[in-house]
Amino acid sequence: MAAHCAEFAKKLGIEHRTTKIRWGEDGNPQKPTQAFEQVAREARYDLLLDALRTMGSNIIAFGHHADDQVETALMRLGKGSSILGARGMRRISRWGMRSTPQPWHTVDMNLLGMNTWIIRPLLSIPKDAILATCEARGLEYVTDQTNFQPDLTIRNAIRQYVAGTLTLDDIKQPAIRQDLLDVQKVLLKTPEFGADLTSGPMALRKAVKGVGLRETRMASDVDHILSQCRLPSPVGTILLSQSDLMQYTLDPTLSMAFIRRILRYLSPEPWGSLRAELRQRSKRSKVIVRNLFTPITANSLPFVSGSRVMWTPVVVRGGKIKDVASLRVHRDSRSGQEETLAWMASRQPEARKNEGLYADEIEKRQGQEVHDILSNTLKDPSRQQDTVEVLWDYRYRIRYTLGKMPSTIASHVLSPDNKVVIQPYGKWYSPRVVLKMGKCGDEVELAKLEEGQAPSQDWIKIDFIRSLDRL
């Protein structure tokens, strides 16, 4: 297959690169014996993103077609996704972040992923139409024979079952047979989808397209609600006016889309991962919406209902955000200022009660050490003018311009007794960069987030990198 692609690209005069996953090398995992499809997919995506980086590109086109779209939608439903998950893949999507933690050398790839885009120009075209075009134009193509092994992946089983070339009795793997039964069970319980595994390819493509159109309209509704209800708030937070929010009626599906958009923006889980979006569990979104629409009083309490995002009832008075406990004070004594009751959504602080048991994990999350990365770069004469970027809390980019670093700070960074760490500070879990002096135990604050910038040090810049857009 690789040789065919290389030869075809050569005929067209197009640059072609072939790269291989080096299992067990260069930070790659060992070749998996279980969950092969997921592990191989992540390794393949890592390889593609690195290739884009070396080529200086931030856009890649994938060849997914309409039948791939159906398979993806059905797999998502089978795994418990809401009806919105049945929209399948987007024509244009952000690459996003890796869903599983990786060593330091891949951290910058998550930053790169937030500015890399995937386009799928063939997504509305059925596979049969693509093959017919190839036949009509005399274009050679290669068929991956592993796609016809239903016992290999659930995707293969769905593909052949929908095409009518497979029965349940043909599937030898019990787990895959059960997965297929689960997909059909979900479809039969979801009449709004409009099709099931026995409906045939055309009906399933139509059903998935319908969900996609519905999701697009819903995304526009979420954009509108946010534009009308959001109030100014600190970086890395969202403040929603309760009175404005109560002007809208949110059905369960719209509620889910609205809450997931906010959580994806604020959660310290990797952007775009299921963990950052309640794992698409509608029960948790219902809890959040119910609380948001319950009138705020002086006795209202903060709560957390997934994705490590905290919802805090507040009162906005005189442009300042106050605790709702201040509502207990008689209105006459509150200067007659206009008050707005609101919900502040922010990153949930780390729990401290188990610090003794999980001290290492808490230190890893709260004080991400960057000393090695900075000192190793400074030690290399060819890189002393470099800009080093670090991702913190999966939400902030901290950029160090080494050429502007004061010489006194550089000497401290190069000392093995000292270290530079990034720590959270303040109520909203904002980052600050600290130099810890090993021998004396002193700490020097180098920079901290102030309205998205770190003006006190021109060699350090802090940016919130999450996007609230639909993509």
Foldseek 3Di string as FASTA:
>chain_A
DLVVVVVVCVVVVHDDDDDDQPDPPPQQHHCDPPPNVVSVVLSVLLVVLVVCVVVVHQEDEDAAALLNQLLQLLLCLLVPADLLSNLGDDQKDQQFADQDDGDPVCQVSNVSSLRHMYGYVRHHPDPVVVVVVCVVVVNDDDDDPVLCQCQPDLSSVLSCLLQVNDDLVNHPDPVSSVSLVSSQVSCVVCCQLPDGSPRHDVRSSVSSNVSNVVVVVLLVVLVVLLVQFWDDDFPLKTKGFLVSNVVDDADLVSLLVNQQLRQLQRALRTRPDCQSRQVNDSVLSVVVVVLSNDDDALPDAWDDRGSQKIKAKWKQWPNDTHHRVCRVPDCVVSVVTDITIIIMIAGHDDDDPCCVVPVVVCCVQFWPWCLVVLLVQCVDVVRQQPWDWGQHSNWKIKIFRRVQDDPVVNVLSNDPQKTWIWGFDDDRRWIWIWIARRPVRDIDTPATDDRQATVVGPRIGMHGSGDSRPD
